[in-house]
Amino acid sequence: MAVVPIIMASIAVGSSYYGMGQIAGERCYRAGLRNAGYQNVKWQVRATAVSTLGVGASVFMTGFENKFYSMG
């Protein structure tokens, strides 16, 4: 079994989820969403990420919230 390619693919996928989250966080901020507004929809955003990305949602949301909160 080729373990190294499996690990490399997992890292690449994980990195892409984090990057997608960062882009989404920045775009939401630039579109006018601020912390108070985000707190009202945070669980809807998280539920959407989980239903769309499954296991990768936690990595996506980490990227999203890191970027979003750093911009505020």
PDB file of N, CA and C in Angstrom:
ATOM      1  N   MET A   1       0.852  -1.184   0.000  1.00  0.00           N
ATOM      2  CA  MET A   1       0.000   0.000   0.000  1.00  0.00           C
ATOM      3  C   MET A   1       0.892   1.239   0.000  1.00  0.00           C
ATOM      4  N   ALA A   2       0.564   2.173  -0.831  1.00  0.00           N
ATOM      5  CA  ALA A   2       1.332   3.405  -0.954  1.00  0.00           C
ATOM      6  C   ALA A   2       0.818   4.432   0.051  1.00  0.00           C
ATOM      7  N   VAL A   3       1.466   4.512   1.187  1.00  0.00           N
ATOM      8  CA  VAL A   3       1.019   5.376   2.273  1.00  0.00           C
ATOM      9  C   VAL A   3       1.345   6.834   1.991  1.00  0.00           C
ATOM     10  N   VAL A   4       2.535   7.106   1.464  1.00  0.00           N
ATOM     11  CA  VAL A   4       2.967   8.484   1.242  1.00  0.00           C
ATOM     12  C   VAL A   4       2.018   9.230   0.291  1.00  0.00           C
ATOM     13  N   PRO A   5       1.614   8.651  -0.838  1.00  0.00           N
ATOM     14  CA  PRO A   5       0.672   9.375  -1.692  1.00  0.00           C
ATOM     15  C   PRO A   5      -0.668   9.668  -1.009  1.00  0.00           C
ATOM     16  N   ILE A   6      -1.118   8.756  -0.173  1.00  0.00           N
ATOM     17  CA  ILE A   6      -2.380   8.974   0.551  1.00  0.00           C
ATOM     18  C   ILE A   6      -2.221  10.151   1.509  1.00  0.00           C
ATOM     19  N   ILE A   7      -1.108  10.191   2.227  1.00  0.00           N
ATOM     20  CA  ILE A   7      -0.868  11.288   3.163  1.00  0.00           C
ATOM     21  C   ILE A   7      -0.730  12.612   2.416  1.00  0.00           C
ATOM     22  N   MET A   8      -0.002  12.626   1.320  1.00  0.00           N
ATOM     23  CA  MET A   8       0.179  13.854   0.539  1.00  0.00           C
ATOM     24  C   MET A   8      -1.159  14.356  -0.011  1.00  0.00           C
ATOM     25  N   ALA A   9      -1.993  13.453  -0.482  1.00  0.00           N
ATOM     26  CA  ALA A   9      -3.309  13.860  -0.988  1.00  0.00           C
ATOM     27  C   ALA A   9      -4.165  14.423   0.136  1.00  0.00           C
ATOM     28  N   SER A  10      -4.085  13.827   1.310  1.00  0.00           N
ATOM     29  CA  SER A  10      -4.854  14.336   2.451  1.00  0.00           C
ATOM     30  C   SER A  10      -4.400  15.730   2.847  1.00  0.00           C
ATOM     31  N   ILE A  11      -3.107  15.953   2.845  1.00  0.00           N
ATOM     32  CA  ILE A  11      -2.587  17.280   3.168  1.00  0.00           C
ATOM     33  C   ILE A  11      -3.033  18.295   2.120  1.00  0.00           C
ATOM     34  N   ALA A  12      -2.976  17.920   0.867  1.00  0.00           N
ATOM     35  CA  ALA A  12      -3.393  18.838  -0.195  1.00  0.00           C
ATOM     36  C   ALA A  12      -4.867  19.195  -0.085  1.00  0.00           C
ATOM     37  N   VAL A  13      -5.693  18.204   0.192  1.00  0.00           N
ATOM     38  CA  VAL A  13      -7.130  18.452   0.334  1.00  0.00           C
ATOM     39  C   VAL A  13      -7.391  19.323   1.559  1.00  0.00           C
ATOM     40  N   GLY A  14      -6.737  19.011   2.669  1.00  0.00           N
ATOM     41  CA  GLY A  14      -6.903  19.796   3.884  1.00  0.00           C
ATOM     42  C   GLY A  14      -6.469  21.233   3.685  1.00  0.00           C
ATOM     43  N   SER A  15      -5.368  21.415   2.991  1.00  0.00           N
ATOM     44  CA  SER A  15      -4.888  22.768   2.719  1.00  0.00           C
ATOM     45  C   SER A  15      -5.849  23.523   1.820  1.00  0.00           C
ATOM     46  N   SER A  16      -6.446  22.836   0.869  1.00  0.00           N
ATOM     47  CA  SER A  16      -7.387  23.525  -0.011  1.00  0.00           C
ATOM     48  C   SER A  16      -8.650  23.924   0.747  1.00  0.00           C
ATOM     49  N   TYR A  17      -9.109  23.103   1.687  1.00  0.00           N
ATOM     50  CA  TYR A  17     -10.268  23.482   2.498  1.00  0.00           C
ATOM     51  C   TYR A  17      -9.959  24.711   3.333  1.00  0.00           C
ATOM     52  N   TYR A  18      -8.772  24.746   3.938  1.00  0.00           N
ATOM     53  CA  TYR A  18      -8.380  25.895   4.752  1.00  0.00           C
ATOM     54  C   TYR A  18      -8.308  27.152   3.879  1.00  0.00           C
ATOM     55  N   GLY A  19      -7.715  27.031   2.709  1.00  0.00           N
ATOM     56  CA  GLY A  19      -7.618  28.164   1.788  1.00  0.00           C
ATOM     57  C   GLY A  19      -8.979  28.648   1.316  1.00  0.00           C
ATOM     58  N   MET A  20      -9.876  27.702   1.030  1.00  0.00           N
ATOM     59  CA  MET A  20     -11.233  28.088   0.636  1.00  0.00           C
ATOM     60  C   MET A  20     -11.919  28.848   1.762  1.00  0.00           C
ATOM     61  N   GLY A  21     -11.707  28.403   2.990  1.00  0.00           N
ATOM     62  CA  GLY A  21     -12.283  29.081   4.141  1.00  0.00           C
ATOM     63  C   GLY A  21     -11.752  30.493   4.285  1.00  0.00           C
ATOM     64  N   GLN A  22     -10.449  30.664   4.077  1.00  0.00           N
ATOM     65  CA  GLN A  22      -9.864  31.999   4.161  1.00  0.00           C
ATOM     66  C   GLN A  22     -10.439  32.930   3.100  1.00  0.00           C
ATOM     67  N   ILE A  23     -10.577  32.445   1.899  1.00  0.00           N
ATOM     68  CA  ILE A  23     -11.138  33.262   0.827  1.00  0.00           C
ATOM     69  C   ILE A  23     -12.583  33.635   1.143  1.00  0.00           C
ATOM     70  N   ALA A  24     -13.354  32.667   1.613  1.00  0.00           N
ATOM     71  CA  ALA A  24     -14.751  32.933   1.960  1.00  0.00           C
ATOM     72  C   ALA A  24     -14.852  33.947   3.095  1.00  0.00           C
ATOM     73  N   GLY A  25     -13.987  33.825   4.105  1.00  0.00           N
ATOM     74  CA  GLY A  25     -13.997  34.766   5.217  1.00  0.00           C
ATOM     75  C   GLY A  25     -13.681  36.175   4.772  1.00  0.00           C
ATOM     76  N   GLU A  26     -12.686  36.299   3.900  1.00  0.00           N
ATOM     77  CA  GLU A  26     -12.324  37.625   3.388  1.00  0.00           C
ATOM     78  C   GLU A  26     -13.444  38.211   2.541  1.00  0.00           C
ATOM     79  N   ARG A  27     -14.040  37.401   1.702  1.00  0.00           N
ATOM     80  CA  ARG A  27     -15.120  37.906   0.837  1.00  0.00           C
ATOM     81  C   ARG A  27     -16.343  38.330   1.642  1.00  0.00           C
ATOM     82  N   CYS A  28     -16.665  37.560   2.681  1.00  0.00           N
ATOM     83  CA  CYS A  28     -17.797  37.946   3.532  1.00  0.00           C
ATOM     84  C   CYS A  28     -17.517  39.266   4.237  1.00  0.00           C
ATOM     85  N   TYR A  29     -16.282  39.438   4.708  1.00  0.00           N
ATOM     86  CA  TYR A  29     -15.923  40.685   5.380  1.00  0.00           C
ATOM     87  C   TYR A  29     -16.009  41.861   4.405  1.00  0.00           C
ATOM     88  N   ARG A  30     -15.460  41.680   3.228  1.00  0.00           N
ATOM     89  CA  ARG A  30     -15.468  42.763   2.232  1.00  0.00           C
ATOM     90  C   ARG A  30     -16.883  43.055   1.723  1.00  0.00           C
ATOM     91  N   ALA A  31     -17.781  42.073   1.830  1.00  0.00           N
ATOM     92  CA  ALA A  31     -19.174  42.275   1.421  1.00  0.00           C
ATOM     93  C   ALA A  31     -19.982  43.005   2.487  1.00  0.00           C
ATOM     94  N   GLY A  32     -19.368  43.252   3.651  1.00  0.00           N
ATOM     95  CA  GLY A  32     -20.045  44.027   4.679  1.00  0.00           C
ATOM     96  C   GLY A  32     -20.433  43.270   5.928  1.00  0.00           C
ATOM     97  N   LEU A  33     -20.160  41.987   5.983  1.00  0.00           N
ATOM     98  CA  LEU A  33     -20.478  41.218   7.189  1.00  0.00           C
ATOM     99  C   LEU A  33     -19.476  41.565   8.279  1.00  0.00           C
ATOM    100  N   ARG A  34     -19.975  41.900   9.429  1.00  0.00           N
ATOM    101  CA  ARG A  34     -19.110  42.220  10.564  1.00  0.00           C
ATOM    102  C   ARG A  34     -19.406  41.251  11.693  1.00  0.00           C
ATOM    103  N   ASN A  35     -18.633  41.343  12.759  1.00  0.00           N
ATOM    104  CA  ASN A  35     -18.701  40.372  13.848  1.00  0.00           C
ATOM    105  C   ASN A  35     -20.107  40.233  14.417  1.00  0.00           C
ATOM    106  N   ALA A  36     -20.772  41.341  14.685  1.00  0.00           N
ATOM    107  CA  ALA A  36     -22.118  41.262  15.267  1.00  0.00           C
ATOM    108  C   ALA A  36     -23.078  40.520  14.332  1.00  0.00           C
ATOM    109  N   GLY A  37     -23.007  40.803  13.057  1.00  0.00           N
ATOM    110  CA  GLY A  37     -23.860  40.115  12.093  1.00  0.00           C
ATOM    111  C   GLY A  37     -23.495  38.651  11.949  1.00  0.00           C
ATOM    112  N   TYR A  38     -22.200  38.362  12.007  1.00  0.00           N
ATOM    113  CA  TYR A  38     -21.760  36.978  11.888  1.00  0.00           C
ATOM    114  C   TYR A  38     -22.238  36.146  13.073  1.00  0.00           C
ATOM    115  N   GLN A  39     -22.251  36.738  14.253  1.00  0.00           N
ATOM    116  CA  GLN A  39     -22.698  35.999  15.433  1.00  0.00           C
ATOM    117  C   GLN A  39     -24.157  35.559  15.293  1.00  0.00           C
ATOM    118  N   ASN A  40     -24.944  36.305  14.528  1.00  0.00           N
ATOM    119  CA  ASN A  40     -26.351  35.946  14.315  1.00  0.00           C
ATOM    120  C   ASN A  40     -26.524  34.782  13.343  1.00  0.00           C
ATOM    121  N   VAL A  41     -25.550  34.576  12.471  1.00  0.00           N
ATOM    122  CA  VAL A  41     -25.675  33.528  11.448  1.00  0.00           C
ATOM    123  C   VAL A  41     -24.590  32.451  11.550  1.00  0.00           C
ATOM    124  N   LYS A  42     -23.790  32.515  12.605  1.00  0.00           N
ATOM    125  CA  LYS A  42     -22.634  31.615  12.734  1.00  0.00           C
ATOM    126  C   LYS A  42     -23.032  30.147  12.624  1.00  0.00           C
ATOM    127  N   TRP A  43     -24.083  29.739  13.315  1.00  0.00           N
ATOM    128  CA  TRP A  43     -24.449  28.326  13.307  1.00  0.00           C
ATOM    129  C   TRP A  43     -25.057  27.908  11.982  1.00  0.00           C
ATOM    130  N   GLN A  44     -25.675  28.819  11.264  1.00  0.00           N
ATOM    131  CA  GLN A  44     -26.162  28.513   9.918  1.00  0.00           C
ATOM    132  C   GLN A  44     -24.992  28.299   8.971  1.00  0.00           C
ATOM    133  N   VAL A  45     -23.960  29.141   9.108  1.00  0.00           N
ATOM    134  CA  VAL A  45     -22.761  29.001   8.275  1.00  0.00           C
ATOM    135  C   VAL A  45     -22.086  27.662   8.569  1.00  0.00           C
ATOM    136  N   ARG A  46     -21.950  27.337   9.837  1.00  0.00           N
ATOM    137  CA  ARG A  46     -21.305  26.074  10.211  1.00  0.00           C
ATOM    138  C   ARG A  46     -22.108  24.868   9.727  1.00  0.00           C
ATOM    139  N   ALA A  47     -23.416  24.928   9.856  1.00  0.00           N
ATOM    140  CA  ALA A  47     -24.258  23.810   9.401  1.00  0.00           C
ATOM    141  C   ALA A  47     -24.164  23.642   7.891  1.00  0.00           C
ATOM    142  N   THR A  48     -24.116  24.753   7.173  1.00  0.00           N
ATOM    143  CA  THR A  48     -23.972  24.687   5.717  1.00  0.00           C
ATOM    144  C   THR A  48     -22.634  24.077   5.336  1.00  0.00           C
ATOM    145  N   ALA A  49     -21.581  24.471   6.034  1.00  0.00           N
ATOM    146  CA  ALA A  49     -20.254  23.912   5.759  1.00  0.00           C
ATOM    147  C   ALA A  49     -20.232  22.416   6.018  1.00  0.00           C
ATOM    148  N   VAL A  50     -20.835  21.977   7.118  1.00  0.00           N
ATOM    149  CA  VAL A  50     -20.856  20.546   7.445  1.00  0.00           C
ATOM    150  C   VAL A  50     -21.653  19.770   6.413  1.00  0.00           C
ATOM    151  N   SER A  51     -22.796  20.297   6.013  1.00  0.00           N
ATOM    152  CA  SER A  51     -23.616  19.566   5.042  1.00  0.00           C
ATOM    153  C   SER A  51     -22.965  19.529   3.663  1.00  0.00           C
ATOM    154  N   THR A  52     -22.163  20.529   3.353  1.00  0.00           N
ATOM    155  CA  THR A  52     -21.511  20.586   2.047  1.00  0.00           C
ATOM    156  C   THR A  52     -20.180  19.845   2.031  1.00  0.00           C
ATOM    157  N   LEU A  53     -19.371  20.049   3.053  1.00  0.00           N
ATOM    158  CA  LEU A  53     -17.999  19.532   3.043  1.00  0.00           C
ATOM    159  C   LEU A  53     -17.783  18.307   3.911  1.00  0.00           C
ATOM    160  N   GLY A  54     -18.734  17.997   4.765  1.00  0.00           N
ATOM    161  CA  GLY A  54     -18.575  16.834   5.643  1.00  0.00           C
ATOM    162  C   GLY A  54     -17.429  17.016   6.616  1.00  0.00           C
ATOM    163  N   VAL A  55     -16.519  16.070   6.629  1.00  0.00           N
ATOM    164  CA  VAL A  55     -15.403  16.083   7.571  1.00  0.00           C
ATOM    165  C   VAL A  55     -14.507  17.309   7.362  1.00  0.00           C
ATOM    166  N   GLY A  56     -14.396  17.789   6.145  1.00  0.00           N
ATOM    167  CA  GLY A  56     -13.544  18.942   5.847  1.00  0.00           C
ATOM    168  C   GLY A  56     -14.091  20.264   6.364  1.00  0.00           C
ATOM    169  N   ALA A  57     -15.297  20.255   6.881  1.00  0.00           N
ATOM    170  CA  ALA A  57     -15.918  21.493   7.347  1.00  0.00           C
ATOM    171  C   ALA A  57     -15.150  22.128   8.493  1.00  0.00           C
ATOM    172  N   SER A  58     -14.580  21.323   9.372  1.00  0.00           N
ATOM    173  CA  SER A  58     -13.842  21.902  10.502  1.00  0.00           C
ATOM    174  C   SER A  58     -12.606  22.652  10.017  1.00  0.00           C
ATOM    175  N   VAL A  59     -11.935  22.131   9.004  1.00  0.00           N
ATOM    176  CA  VAL A  59     -10.763  22.811   8.452  1.00  0.00           C
ATOM    177  C   VAL A  59     -11.207  24.079   7.723  1.00  0.00           C
ATOM    178  N   PHE A  60     -12.291  23.981   6.955  1.00  0.00           N
ATOM    179  CA  PHE A  60     -12.836  25.145   6.254  1.00  0.00           C
ATOM    180  C   PHE A  60     -13.214  26.244   7.243  1.00  0.00           C
ATOM    181  N   MET A  61     -13.927  25.888   8.300  1.00  0.00           N
ATOM    182  CA  MET A  61     -14.378  26.888   9.274  1.00  0.00           C
ATOM    183  C   MET A  61     -13.207  27.494  10.043  1.00  0.00           C
ATOM    184  N   THR A  62     -12.161  26.728  10.275  1.00  0.00           N
ATOM    185  CA  THR A  62     -10.973  27.290  10.920  1.00  0.00           C
ATOM    186  C   THR A  62     -10.362  28.362  10.036  1.00  0.00           C
ATOM    187  N   GLY A  63     -10.216  28.083   8.751  1.00  0.00           N
ATOM    188  CA  GLY A  63      -9.697  29.081   7.818  1.00  0.00           C
ATOM    189  C   GLY A  63     -10.608  30.293   7.714  1.00  0.00           C
ATOM    190  N   PHE A  64     -11.915  30.031   7.639  1.00  0.00           N
ATOM    191  CA  PHE A  64     -12.893  31.109   7.525  1.00  0.00           C
ATOM    192  C   PHE A  64     -12.809  32.043   8.730  1.00  0.00           C
ATOM    193  N   GLU A  65     -12.901  31.474   9.925  1.00  0.00           N
ATOM    194  CA  GLU A  65     -12.947  32.308  11.127  1.00  0.00           C
ATOM    195  C   GLU A  65     -11.600  32.962  11.421  1.00  0.00           C
ATOM    196  N   ASN A  66     -10.501  32.285  11.145  1.00  0.00           N
ATOM    197  CA  ASN A  66      -9.196  32.930  11.337  1.00  0.00           C
ATOM    198  C   ASN A  66      -9.071  34.176  10.470  1.00  0.00           C
ATOM    199  N   LYS A  67      -9.435  34.056   9.226  1.00  0.00           N
ATOM    200  CA  LYS A  67      -9.332  35.220   8.312  1.00  0.00           C
ATOM    201  C   LYS A  67     -10.362  36.279   8.668  1.00  0.00           C
ATOM    202  N   PHE A  68     -11.605  35.875   8.898  1.00  0.00           N
ATOM    203  CA  PHE A  68     -12.672  36.822   9.169  1.00  0.00           C
ATOM    204  C   PHE A  68     -12.372  37.645  10.422  1.00  0.00           C
ATOM    205  N   TYR A  69     -12.012  36.969  11.507  1.00  0.00           N
ATOM    206  CA  TYR A  69     -11.751  37.681  12.766  1.00  0.00           C
ATOM    207  C   TYR A  69     -10.487  38.527  12.681  1.00  0.00           C
ATOM    208  N   SER A  70      -9.516  38.108  11.882  1.00  0.00           N
ATOM    209  CA  SER A  70      -8.279  38.904  11.777  1.00  0.00           C
ATOM    210  C   SER A  70      -8.506  40.196  11.001  1.00  0.00           C
ATOM    211  N   MET A  71      -9.548  40.253  10.210  1.00  0.00           N
ATOM    212  CA  MET A  71      -9.823  41.450   9.415  1.00  0.00           C
ATOM    213  C   MET A  71     -10.612  42.496  10.211  1.00  0.00           C
ATOM    214  N   GLY A  72     -11.238  42.069  11.284  1.00  0.00           N
ATOM    215  CA  GLY A  72     -12.096  42.964  12.043  1.00  0.00           C
ATOM    216  C   GLY A  72     -11.403  43.718  13.062  1.00  0.00           C
TER     217      GLY A  72
END
